[in-house]
Amino acid sequence: MAMNALHRRICRSDSWADRMHGTTLPWATRGVDLTGEVLEIGPGYGVTTRWLAARTGALTALEVDPVLAEDLRAGLGGEFGVDVRHGDGAALPFPDGSFDAVVCFTMLHHVPTPGEQDRLFAEAARVLRPGGTFAGIDSRMTLRFRTIHIGDTLTAVDPATLPRRLGAAGFARPETELGARSFRFRAGRG
């Protein structure tokens, strides 16, 4: 998905990693069991993947950009044991019920259309084991957020309608919670 130069620089910065590791990811995953087999959809530059690698039983990361996927594989595959794959979150290359948890962080707004987002949700439900959790975080729409994304793919997700969309994708107990800049979501697989 397209990202402008400013956005790429932010996502690679130490300050972004510090914020994600220090507050955002702990908030996004609070109460989510990450000890089993976990799938991360859309890791991008790997800031979230590095944090997850130390907290999961087994981590698979699926990245749509082939260059980023190869960079992640080279950087995290050996040292951290992350299984990095190239693929599309709306067409997951995994069998039904493959994972105990599926997560995605600050990437849903880069999925080009709401229809593709809904396909990603349905695919996450399909590969999640019964009793598993789909969880993540995305940004709230602000002027600053829009400015950072000029020239990017930007399909905002409305936290008010996300539970309905997750329910339509096959999840149980979908919920969102608003934070200052972002919102977290989670849903279960019955």
N, C-alpha and C. Protein backbone atom coordinates (compact mmCIF):
# COMPACT_ATOMS: atom_id res chain seq x y z
N MET A 1 0.84 -1.17 0.00
CA MET A 1 0.00 0.00 0.00
C MET A 1 0.89 1.24 0.00
N ALA A 2 0.48 2.24 -0.72
CA ALA A 2 1.29 3.43 -0.90
C ALA A 2 1.49 4.19 0.41
N MET A 3 2.74 4.63 0.63
CA MET A 3 3.07 5.48 1.77
C MET A 3 4.02 6.57 1.28
N ASN A 4 3.76 7.82 1.70
CA ASN A 4 4.63 8.92 1.30
C ASN A 4 5.93 8.90 2.12
N ALA A 5 6.88 9.74 1.74
CA ALA A 5 8.21 9.75 2.36
C ALA A 5 8.15 10.10 3.85
N LEU A 6 7.32 11.08 4.22
CA LEU A 6 7.19 11.46 5.63
C LEU A 6 6.66 10.28 6.44
N HIS A 7 5.64 9.65 5.94
CA HIS A 7 5.03 8.52 6.64
C HIS A 7 6.04 7.37 6.80
N ARG A 8 6.79 7.08 5.76
CA ARG A 8 7.81 6.03 5.85
C ARG A 8 8.86 6.38 6.90
N ARG A 9 9.27 7.65 6.94
CA ARG A 9 10.28 8.07 7.92
C ARG A 9 9.74 7.92 9.34
N ILE A 10 8.49 8.31 9.56
CA ILE A 10 7.89 8.18 10.89
C ILE A 10 7.86 6.71 11.32
N CYS A 11 7.41 5.84 10.41
CA CYS A 11 7.26 4.41 10.75
C CYS A 11 8.59 3.70 10.99
N ARG A 12 9.68 4.28 10.56
CA ARG A 12 11.01 3.71 10.79
C ARG A 12 11.73 4.36 11.97
N SER A 13 11.14 5.37 12.58
CA SER A 13 11.84 6.17 13.58
C SER A 13 11.89 5.49 14.95
N ASP A 14 12.90 5.86 15.72
CA ASP A 14 13.03 5.37 17.09
C ASP A 14 11.88 5.88 17.95
N SER A 15 11.44 7.11 17.72
CA SER A 15 10.34 7.65 18.53
C SER A 15 9.04 6.87 18.28
N TRP A 16 8.79 6.46 17.04
CA TRP A 16 7.62 5.64 16.74
C TRP A 16 7.74 4.29 17.45
N ALA A 17 8.91 3.66 17.37
CA ALA A 17 9.11 2.37 18.03
C ALA A 17 8.93 2.51 19.55
N ASP A 18 9.49 3.57 20.12
CA ASP A 18 9.36 3.79 21.57
C ASP A 18 7.90 3.93 21.98
N ARG A 19 7.13 4.70 21.22
CA ARG A 19 5.71 4.89 21.54
C ARG A 19 4.93 3.58 21.37
N MET A 20 5.20 2.87 20.28
CA MET A 20 4.50 1.61 20.03
C MET A 20 4.84 0.59 21.12
N HIS A 21 6.12 0.44 21.44
CA HIS A 21 6.54 -0.56 22.42
C HIS A 21 6.16 -0.17 23.84
N GLY A 22 6.22 1.13 24.14
CA GLY A 22 6.00 1.59 25.52
C GLY A 22 4.55 1.67 25.94
N THR A 23 3.68 2.14 25.05
CA THR A 23 2.28 2.34 25.45
C THR A 23 1.26 1.72 24.50
N THR A 24 1.44 1.90 23.21
CA THR A 24 0.42 1.50 22.25
C THR A 24 0.20 0.00 22.20
N LEU A 25 1.24 -0.78 22.00
CA LEU A 25 1.08 -2.22 21.89
C LEU A 25 0.65 -2.87 23.21
N PRO A 26 1.20 -2.46 24.36
CA PRO A 26 0.67 -3.02 25.61
C PRO A 26 -0.84 -2.74 25.79
N TRP A 27 -1.29 -1.55 25.40
CA TRP A 27 -2.72 -1.23 25.49
C TRP A 27 -3.52 -2.06 24.50
N ALA A 28 -3.03 -2.18 23.27
CA ALA A 28 -3.75 -2.90 22.22
C ALA A 28 -3.90 -4.38 22.53
N THR A 29 -2.94 -4.96 23.23
CA THR A 29 -2.96 -6.40 23.48
C THR A 29 -3.32 -6.78 24.91
N ARG A 30 -3.64 -5.80 25.74
CA ARG A 30 -3.98 -6.10 27.13
C ARG A 30 -5.10 -7.13 27.17
N GLY A 31 -4.87 -8.23 27.87
CA GLY A 31 -5.88 -9.27 28.01
C GLY A 31 -5.93 -10.26 26.86
N VAL A 32 -5.08 -10.10 25.85
CA VAL A 32 -5.05 -11.02 24.72
C VAL A 32 -3.96 -12.07 24.96
N ASP A 33 -4.33 -13.34 24.87
CA ASP A 33 -3.37 -14.42 25.06
C ASP A 33 -2.51 -14.54 23.81
N LEU A 34 -1.25 -14.21 23.92
CA LEU A 34 -0.30 -14.28 22.80
C LEU A 34 0.65 -15.46 22.91
N THR A 35 0.39 -16.38 23.84
CA THR A 35 1.35 -17.45 24.11
C THR A 35 1.31 -18.58 23.10
N GLY A 36 0.29 -18.66 22.26
CA GLY A 36 0.19 -19.73 21.28
C GLY A 36 0.74 -19.32 19.94
N GLU A 37 0.10 -19.81 18.88
CA GLU A 37 0.48 -19.47 17.52
C GLU A 37 -0.24 -18.19 17.11
N VAL A 38 0.54 -17.17 16.76
CA VAL A 38 0.02 -15.83 16.48
C VAL A 38 0.34 -15.45 15.04
N LEU A 39 -0.65 -14.87 14.38
CA LEU A 39 -0.48 -14.30 13.04
C LEU A 39 -0.58 -12.80 13.14
N GLU A 40 0.45 -12.10 12.64
CA GLU A 40 0.38 -10.65 12.51
C GLU A 40 0.18 -10.33 11.03
N ILE A 41 -0.89 -9.60 10.73
CA ILE A 41 -1.17 -9.17 9.37
C ILE A 41 -0.66 -7.75 9.21
N GLY A 42 0.16 -7.51 8.19
CA GLY A 42 0.62 -6.16 7.85
C GLY A 42 1.66 -5.59 8.78
N PRO A 43 2.78 -6.26 8.99
CA PRO A 43 3.79 -5.75 9.90
C PRO A 43 4.59 -4.55 9.39
N GLY A 44 4.53 -4.27 8.10
CA GLY A 44 5.26 -3.12 7.56
C GLY A 44 6.75 -3.25 7.80
N TYR A 45 7.32 -2.27 8.50
CA TYR A 45 8.76 -2.24 8.75
C TYR A 45 9.19 -3.12 9.93
N GLY A 46 8.23 -3.72 10.64
CA GLY A 46 8.56 -4.68 11.68
C GLY A 46 8.66 -4.16 13.09
N VAL A 47 8.29 -2.91 13.34
CA VAL A 47 8.35 -2.37 14.70
C VAL A 47 7.46 -3.20 15.63
N THR A 48 6.26 -3.50 15.19
CA THR A 48 5.34 -4.29 16.01
C THR A 48 5.79 -5.75 16.10
N THR A 49 6.35 -6.25 15.02
CA THR A 49 6.79 -7.65 14.97
C THR A 49 7.91 -7.90 15.97
N ARG A 50 8.83 -6.97 16.09
CA ARG A 50 9.92 -7.12 17.06
C ARG A 50 9.38 -7.22 18.49
N TRP A 51 8.38 -6.41 18.79
CA TRP A 51 7.77 -6.43 20.12
C TRP A 51 7.04 -7.76 20.33
N LEU A 52 6.28 -8.19 19.34
CA LEU A 52 5.52 -9.44 19.45
C LEU A 52 6.42 -10.66 19.59
N ALA A 53 7.55 -10.67 18.88
CA ALA A 53 8.42 -11.85 18.84
C ALA A 53 8.84 -12.31 20.23
N ALA A 54 8.99 -11.38 21.15
CA ALA A 54 9.40 -11.72 22.51
C ALA A 54 8.22 -12.16 23.37
N ARG A 55 7.00 -12.07 22.85
CA ARG A 55 5.81 -12.32 23.67
C ARG A 55 4.92 -13.44 23.15
N THR A 56 5.26 -14.05 22.05
CA THR A 56 4.40 -15.07 21.47
C THR A 56 5.06 -16.45 21.54
N GLY A 57 4.21 -17.46 21.45
CA GLY A 57 4.74 -18.81 21.38
C GLY A 57 5.40 -19.05 20.04
N ALA A 58 4.70 -18.75 18.97
CA ALA A 58 5.21 -18.86 17.60
C ALA A 58 4.56 -17.73 16.80
N LEU A 59 5.36 -16.98 16.07
CA LEU A 59 4.85 -15.81 15.36
C LEU A 59 5.05 -15.97 13.87
N THR A 60 3.96 -15.75 13.13
CA THR A 60 3.98 -15.67 11.68
C THR A 60 3.57 -14.26 11.32
N ALA A 61 4.30 -13.61 10.41
CA ALA A 61 3.98 -12.26 9.95
C ALA A 61 3.72 -12.32 8.45
N LEU A 62 2.61 -11.74 8.03
CA LEU A 62 2.23 -11.72 6.62
C LEU A 62 2.24 -10.28 6.13
N GLU A 63 3.11 -9.98 5.16
CA GLU A 63 3.26 -8.62 4.62
C GLU A 63 2.95 -8.61 3.14
N VAL A 64 2.13 -7.63 2.70
CA VAL A 64 1.71 -7.55 1.30
C VAL A 64 2.81 -7.00 0.39
N ASP A 65 3.69 -6.17 0.91
CA ASP A 65 4.76 -5.59 0.11
C ASP A 65 5.92 -6.59 0.03
N PRO A 66 6.28 -7.06 -1.17
CA PRO A 66 7.32 -8.10 -1.27
C PRO A 66 8.69 -7.64 -0.78
N VAL A 67 9.03 -6.38 -0.98
CA VAL A 67 10.33 -5.88 -0.52
C VAL A 67 10.37 -5.83 1.00
N LEU A 68 9.30 -5.31 1.62
CA LEU A 68 9.25 -5.29 3.09
C LEU A 68 9.25 -6.71 3.66
N ALA A 69 8.53 -7.61 3.01
CA ALA A 69 8.51 -9.00 3.49
C ALA A 69 9.90 -9.60 3.46
N GLU A 70 10.64 -9.37 2.39
CA GLU A 70 12.00 -9.91 2.30
C GLU A 70 12.92 -9.28 3.33
N ASP A 71 12.79 -7.96 3.53
CA ASP A 71 13.60 -7.29 4.56
C ASP A 71 13.29 -7.85 5.95
N LEU A 72 12.01 -8.06 6.24
CA LEU A 72 11.63 -8.63 7.53
C LEU A 72 12.17 -10.05 7.69
N ARG A 73 12.06 -10.83 6.65
CA ARG A 73 12.56 -12.21 6.69
C ARG A 73 14.05 -12.20 7.00
N ALA A 74 14.79 -11.33 6.35
CA ALA A 74 16.24 -11.25 6.58
C ALA A 74 16.56 -10.76 7.99
N GLY A 75 15.77 -9.82 8.49
CA GLY A 75 16.06 -9.23 9.79
C GLY A 75 15.49 -9.97 10.99
N LEU A 76 14.36 -10.64 10.81
CA LEU A 76 13.68 -11.25 11.96
C LEU A 76 13.55 -12.77 11.88
N GLY A 77 13.72 -13.31 10.69
CA GLY A 77 13.53 -14.74 10.51
C GLY A 77 14.50 -15.58 11.30
N GLY A 78 15.77 -15.29 11.18
CA GLY A 78 16.78 -16.09 11.87
C GLY A 78 16.91 -15.73 13.33
N GLU A 79 17.14 -14.47 13.61
CA GLU A 79 17.41 -14.03 14.98
C GLU A 79 16.23 -14.22 15.91
N PHE A 80 15.02 -13.92 15.42
CA PHE A 80 13.84 -13.98 16.29
C PHE A 80 12.95 -15.19 15.99
N GLY A 81 13.24 -15.94 14.94
CA GLY A 81 12.44 -17.11 14.61
C GLY A 81 11.06 -16.80 14.07
N VAL A 82 10.87 -15.61 13.52
CA VAL A 82 9.57 -15.23 12.96
C VAL A 82 9.44 -15.83 11.56
N ASP A 83 8.31 -16.46 11.30
CA ASP A 83 8.01 -16.99 9.97
C ASP A 83 7.38 -15.86 9.16
N VAL A 84 8.16 -15.22 8.31
CA VAL A 84 7.68 -14.07 7.53
C VAL A 84 7.25 -14.56 6.16
N ARG A 85 6.03 -14.20 5.79
CA ARG A 85 5.47 -14.59 4.50
C ARG A 85 5.05 -13.35 3.73
N HIS A 86 5.09 -13.46 2.41
CA HIS A 86 4.56 -12.42 1.53
C HIS A 86 3.16 -12.85 1.13
N GLY A 87 2.18 -11.97 1.28
CA GLY A 87 0.81 -12.30 0.90
C GLY A 87 -0.15 -11.19 1.27
N ASP A 88 -1.41 -11.41 0.92
CA ASP A 88 -2.48 -10.44 1.09
C ASP A 88 -3.37 -10.86 2.25
N GLY A 89 -3.60 -9.96 3.18
CA GLY A 89 -4.46 -10.24 4.32
C GLY A 89 -5.90 -10.57 3.94
N ALA A 90 -6.33 -10.15 2.77
CA ALA A 90 -7.69 -10.44 2.30
C ALA A 90 -7.77 -11.80 1.61
N ALA A 91 -6.66 -12.51 1.50
CA ALA A 91 -6.60 -13.85 0.91
C ALA A 91 -5.49 -14.63 1.61
N LEU A 92 -5.69 -14.94 2.87
CA LEU A 92 -4.64 -15.55 3.69
C LEU A 92 -4.27 -16.94 3.20
N PRO A 93 -2.97 -17.21 3.08
CA PRO A 93 -2.50 -18.50 2.56
C PRO A 93 -2.33 -19.56 3.65
N PHE A 94 -3.31 -19.64 4.56
CA PHE A 94 -3.23 -20.57 5.67
C PHE A 94 -4.52 -21.36 5.78
N PRO A 95 -4.45 -22.60 6.27
CA PRO A 95 -5.67 -23.40 6.45
C PRO A 95 -6.58 -22.82 7.54
N ASP A 96 -7.83 -23.24 7.51
CA ASP A 96 -8.78 -22.85 8.54
C ASP A 96 -8.24 -23.24 9.91
N GLY A 97 -8.48 -22.38 10.91
CA GLY A 97 -8.13 -22.70 12.28
C GLY A 97 -6.65 -22.87 12.56
N SER A 98 -5.80 -22.09 11.91
CA SER A 98 -4.35 -22.24 12.05
C SER A 98 -3.76 -21.49 13.24
N PHE A 99 -4.45 -20.48 13.78
CA PHE A 99 -3.83 -19.60 14.77
C PHE A 99 -4.69 -19.42 16.01
N ASP A 100 -4.01 -19.21 17.14
CA ASP A 100 -4.69 -18.93 18.40
C ASP A 100 -5.05 -17.45 18.53
N ALA A 101 -4.30 -16.59 17.87
CA ALA A 101 -4.57 -15.15 17.86
C ALA A 101 -4.15 -14.58 16.51
N VAL A 102 -4.92 -13.62 16.05
CA VAL A 102 -4.58 -12.86 14.84
C VAL A 102 -4.59 -11.39 15.25
N VAL A 103 -3.52 -10.67 14.88
CA VAL A 103 -3.40 -9.27 15.27
C VAL A 103 -3.00 -8.41 14.07
N CYS A 104 -3.38 -7.15 14.13
CA CYS A 104 -2.89 -6.17 13.15
C CYS A 104 -2.88 -4.81 13.82
N PHE A 105 -1.84 -4.06 13.54
CA PHE A 105 -1.62 -2.79 14.24
C PHE A 105 -1.36 -1.67 13.24
N THR A 106 -2.15 -0.63 13.33
CA THR A 106 -2.03 0.60 12.53
C THR A 106 -1.87 0.33 11.04
N MET A 107 -2.60 -0.67 10.53
CA MET A 107 -2.49 -0.97 9.11
C MET A 107 -3.82 -1.03 8.38
N LEU A 108 -4.92 -1.16 9.09
CA LEU A 108 -6.21 -1.30 8.41
C LEU A 108 -6.51 -0.12 7.49
N HIS A 109 -6.09 1.07 7.88
CA HIS A 109 -6.37 2.25 7.05
C HIS A 109 -5.57 2.24 5.75
N HIS A 110 -4.61 1.33 5.61
CA HIS A 110 -3.86 1.19 4.36
C HIS A 110 -4.46 0.16 3.41
N VAL A 111 -5.49 -0.54 3.85
CA VAL A 111 -6.20 -1.46 2.97
C VAL A 111 -7.08 -0.60 2.05
N PRO A 112 -6.96 -0.78 0.72
CA PRO A 112 -7.52 0.19 -0.23
C PRO A 112 -9.02 0.46 -0.18
N THR A 113 -9.83 -0.53 0.21
CA THR A 113 -11.29 -0.31 0.19
C THR A 113 -11.92 -0.95 1.42
N PRO A 114 -13.11 -0.45 1.82
CA PRO A 114 -13.83 -1.12 2.91
C PRO A 114 -14.14 -2.59 2.59
N GLY A 115 -14.43 -2.89 1.32
CA GLY A 115 -14.69 -4.27 0.93
C GLY A 115 -13.49 -5.17 1.16
N GLU A 116 -12.29 -4.67 0.86
CA GLU A 116 -11.08 -5.45 1.11
C GLU A 116 -10.82 -5.58 2.61
N GLN A 117 -11.13 -4.53 3.37
CA GLN A 117 -11.02 -4.63 4.83
C GLN A 117 -11.95 -5.74 5.35
N ASP A 118 -13.19 -5.77 4.84
CA ASP A 118 -14.14 -6.80 5.27
C ASP A 118 -13.66 -8.20 4.89
N ARG A 119 -13.03 -8.35 3.73
CA ARG A 119 -12.47 -9.65 3.35
C ARG A 119 -11.33 -10.03 4.28
N LEU A 120 -10.50 -9.05 4.67
CA LEU A 120 -9.44 -9.31 5.65
C LEU A 120 -10.05 -9.80 6.96
N PHE A 121 -11.13 -9.16 7.42
CA PHE A 121 -11.77 -9.58 8.67
C PHE A 121 -12.29 -11.02 8.55
N ALA A 122 -12.93 -11.33 7.42
CA ALA A 122 -13.46 -12.69 7.21
C ALA A 122 -12.32 -13.72 7.16
N GLU A 123 -11.22 -13.36 6.54
CA GLU A 123 -10.07 -14.26 6.49
C GLU A 123 -9.46 -14.45 7.87
N ALA A 124 -9.39 -13.38 8.66
CA ALA A 124 -8.87 -13.51 10.03
C ALA A 124 -9.76 -14.45 10.83
N ALA A 125 -11.08 -14.34 10.67
CA ALA A 125 -12.00 -15.25 11.37
C ALA A 125 -11.79 -16.69 10.90
N ARG A 126 -11.57 -16.88 9.63
CA ARG A 126 -11.40 -18.23 9.07
C ARG A 126 -10.16 -18.93 9.63
N VAL A 127 -9.05 -18.21 9.75
CA VAL A 127 -7.80 -18.85 10.19
C VAL A 127 -7.65 -18.90 11.70
N LEU A 128 -8.58 -18.29 12.42
CA LEU A 128 -8.53 -18.29 13.88
C LEU A 128 -9.17 -19.57 14.43
N ARG A 129 -8.52 -20.15 15.43
CA ARG A 129 -9.07 -21.34 16.08
C ARG A 129 -10.24 -20.95 16.98
N PRO A 130 -11.17 -21.87 17.23
CA PRO A 130 -12.24 -21.59 18.20
C PRO A 130 -11.63 -21.19 19.54
N GLY A 131 -12.18 -20.16 20.14
CA GLY A 131 -11.66 -19.63 21.39
C GLY A 131 -10.57 -18.60 21.21
N GLY A 132 -10.13 -18.38 19.96
CA GLY A 132 -9.06 -17.43 19.69
C GLY A 132 -9.56 -15.99 19.64
N THR A 133 -8.61 -15.06 19.52
CA THR A 133 -8.92 -13.64 19.54
C THR A 133 -8.30 -12.94 18.34
N PHE A 134 -9.08 -12.05 17.74
CA PHE A 134 -8.61 -11.11 16.72
C PHE A 134 -8.52 -9.76 17.42
N ALA A 135 -7.35 -9.14 17.38
CA ALA A 135 -7.16 -7.89 18.12
C ALA A 135 -6.23 -6.96 17.35
N GLY A 136 -6.36 -5.70 17.63
CA GLY A 136 -5.46 -4.74 17.02
C GLY A 136 -5.79 -3.32 17.38
N ILE A 137 -5.21 -2.45 16.59
CA ILE A 137 -5.35 -1.01 16.83
C ILE A 137 -5.29 -0.30 15.49
N ASP A 138 -5.99 0.80 15.40
CA ASP A 138 -5.87 1.66 14.24
C ASP A 138 -6.06 3.10 14.69
N SER A 139 -5.73 4.02 13.83
CA SER A 139 -5.73 5.44 14.18
C SER A 139 -7.11 6.06 14.01
N ARG A 140 -7.37 7.06 14.85
CA ARG A 140 -8.59 7.86 14.72
C ARG A 140 -8.32 8.98 13.72
N MET A 141 -9.34 9.36 13.01
CA MET A 141 -9.22 10.38 11.98
C MET A 141 -9.09 11.77 12.61
N THR A 142 -7.96 12.42 12.32
CA THR A 142 -7.71 13.79 12.76
C THR A 142 -7.06 14.53 11.59
N LEU A 143 -6.95 15.83 11.71
CA LEU A 143 -6.28 16.61 10.67
C LEU A 143 -4.81 16.19 10.56
N ARG A 144 -4.15 15.99 11.68
CA ARG A 144 -2.74 15.55 11.67
C ARG A 144 -2.60 14.21 10.95
N PHE A 145 -3.49 13.28 11.27
CA PHE A 145 -3.46 11.95 10.65
C PHE A 145 -3.65 12.07 9.14
N ARG A 146 -4.61 12.87 8.71
CA ARG A 146 -4.84 13.07 7.27
C ARG A 146 -3.61 13.68 6.60
N THR A 147 -2.98 14.65 7.27
CA THR A 147 -1.82 15.32 6.70
C THR A 147 -0.65 14.35 6.51
N ILE A 148 -0.41 13.52 7.50
CA ILE A 148 0.67 12.53 7.41
C ILE A 148 0.43 11.57 6.25
N HIS A 149 -0.82 11.37 5.88
CA HIS A 149 -1.18 10.39 4.85
C HIS A 149 -1.43 11.00 3.47
N ILE A 150 -1.06 12.25 3.25
CA ILE A 150 -1.24 12.83 1.91
C ILE A 150 -0.45 12.00 0.90
N GLY A 151 -1.14 11.53 -0.12
CA GLY A 151 -0.51 10.70 -1.14
C GLY A 151 -0.46 9.22 -0.79
N ASP A 152 -0.91 8.85 0.40
CA ASP A 152 -0.95 7.46 0.83
C ASP A 152 -2.30 6.84 0.46
N THR A 153 -2.34 5.52 0.54
CA THR A 153 -3.63 4.84 0.60
C THR A 153 -4.19 5.12 1.98
N LEU A 154 -5.41 5.67 2.04
CA LEU A 154 -6.02 6.00 3.32
C LEU A 154 -7.51 5.69 3.25
N THR A 155 -7.90 4.59 3.89
CA THR A 155 -9.30 4.19 4.00
C THR A 155 -9.58 4.05 5.49
N ALA A 156 -10.05 5.14 6.07
CA ALA A 156 -10.24 5.18 7.52
C ALA A 156 -11.28 4.15 7.96
N VAL A 157 -11.07 3.60 9.15
CA VAL A 157 -11.99 2.67 9.76
C VAL A 157 -12.73 3.41 10.87
N ASP A 158 -14.04 3.38 10.83
CA ASP A 158 -14.86 4.03 11.85
C ASP A 158 -15.00 3.09 13.04
N PRO A 159 -14.47 3.48 14.21
CA PRO A 159 -14.56 2.58 15.36
C PRO A 159 -16.00 2.31 15.79
N ALA A 160 -16.93 3.20 15.46
CA ALA A 160 -18.33 3.00 15.84
C ALA A 160 -18.99 1.89 15.03
N THR A 161 -18.58 1.71 13.78
CA THR A 161 -19.20 0.68 12.94
C THR A 161 -18.37 -0.60 12.86
N LEU A 162 -17.15 -0.57 13.37
CA LEU A 162 -16.29 -1.75 13.28
C LEU A 162 -16.88 -2.98 13.98
N PRO A 163 -17.49 -2.88 15.17
CA PRO A 163 -18.06 -4.09 15.77
C PRO A 163 -19.10 -4.77 14.86
N ARG A 164 -19.93 -4.00 14.21
CA ARG A 164 -20.92 -4.58 13.30
C ARG A 164 -20.23 -5.31 12.15
N ARG A 165 -19.18 -4.68 11.60
CA ARG A 165 -18.45 -5.29 10.49
C ARG A 165 -17.75 -6.58 10.93
N LEU A 166 -17.18 -6.58 12.12
CA LEU A 166 -16.52 -7.78 12.63
C LEU A 166 -17.54 -8.89 12.88
N GLY A 167 -18.71 -8.54 13.40
CA GLY A 167 -19.77 -9.52 13.59
C GLY A 167 -20.20 -10.13 12.27
N ALA A 168 -20.33 -9.30 11.23
CA ALA A 168 -20.70 -9.80 9.89
C ALA A 168 -19.64 -10.72 9.32
N ALA A 169 -18.39 -10.54 9.74
CA ALA A 169 -17.29 -11.39 9.26
C ALA A 169 -17.21 -12.72 9.99
N GLY A 170 -18.04 -12.89 11.02
CA GLY A 170 -18.07 -14.17 11.72
C GLY A 170 -17.52 -14.16 13.13
N PHE A 171 -17.19 -12.99 13.65
CA PHE A 171 -16.65 -12.91 15.00
C PHE A 171 -17.75 -12.77 16.04
N ALA A 172 -17.44 -13.21 17.25
CA ALA A 172 -18.33 -13.05 18.40
C ALA A 172 -17.76 -11.96 19.31
N ARG A 173 -18.63 -11.31 20.02
CA ARG A 173 -18.25 -10.31 21.02
C ARG A 173 -17.32 -9.21 20.51
N PRO A 174 -17.56 -8.67 19.32
CA PRO A 174 -16.66 -7.60 18.83
C PRO A 174 -16.85 -6.33 19.63
N GLU A 175 -15.73 -5.65 19.88
CA GLU A 175 -15.79 -4.39 20.63
C GLU A 175 -14.64 -3.48 20.22
N THR A 176 -14.84 -2.20 20.45
CA THR A 176 -13.78 -1.21 20.24
C THR A 176 -13.69 -0.36 21.50
N GLU A 177 -12.53 0.24 21.68
CA GLU A 177 -12.31 1.17 22.79
C GLU A 177 -11.48 2.33 22.27
N LEU A 178 -11.95 3.54 22.52
CA LEU A 178 -11.27 4.73 22.03
C LEU A 178 -10.12 5.14 22.94
N GLY A 179 -9.01 5.51 22.32
CA GLY A 179 -7.89 6.12 23.01
C GLY A 179 -7.73 7.54 22.48
N ALA A 180 -6.70 8.23 22.91
CA ALA A 180 -6.50 9.62 22.52
C ALA A 180 -6.28 9.77 21.01
N ARG A 181 -5.41 8.97 20.43
CA ARG A 181 -5.09 9.07 19.01
C ARG A 181 -5.60 7.89 18.20
N SER A 182 -5.96 6.83 18.88
CA SER A 182 -6.28 5.60 18.18
C SER A 182 -7.43 4.89 18.88
N PHE A 183 -7.78 3.74 18.34
CA PHE A 183 -8.76 2.87 18.99
C PHE A 183 -8.25 1.44 18.89
N ARG A 184 -8.61 0.67 19.91
CA ARG A 184 -8.27 -0.75 19.85
C ARG A 184 -9.54 -1.53 19.60
N PHE A 185 -9.35 -2.73 19.05
CA PHE A 185 -10.50 -3.59 18.81
C PHE A 185 -10.13 -5.01 19.15
N ARG A 186 -11.16 -5.79 19.41
CA ARG A 186 -10.96 -7.22 19.61
C ARG A 186 -12.28 -7.92 19.41
N ALA A 187 -12.17 -9.17 19.03
CA ALA A 187 -13.33 -10.02 18.81
C ALA A 187 -12.88 -11.47 18.96
N GLY A 188 -13.81 -12.33 19.29
CA GLY A 188 -13.48 -13.72 19.51
C GLY A 188 -14.03 -14.63 18.43
N ARG A 189 -13.55 -15.83 18.46
CA ARG A 189 -14.07 -16.87 17.57
C ARG A 189 -14.68 -17.93 18.46
N GLY A 190 -16.00 -18.10 18.34
CA GLY A 190 -16.74 -19.03 19.20
C GLY A 190 -16.44 -20.48 18.95
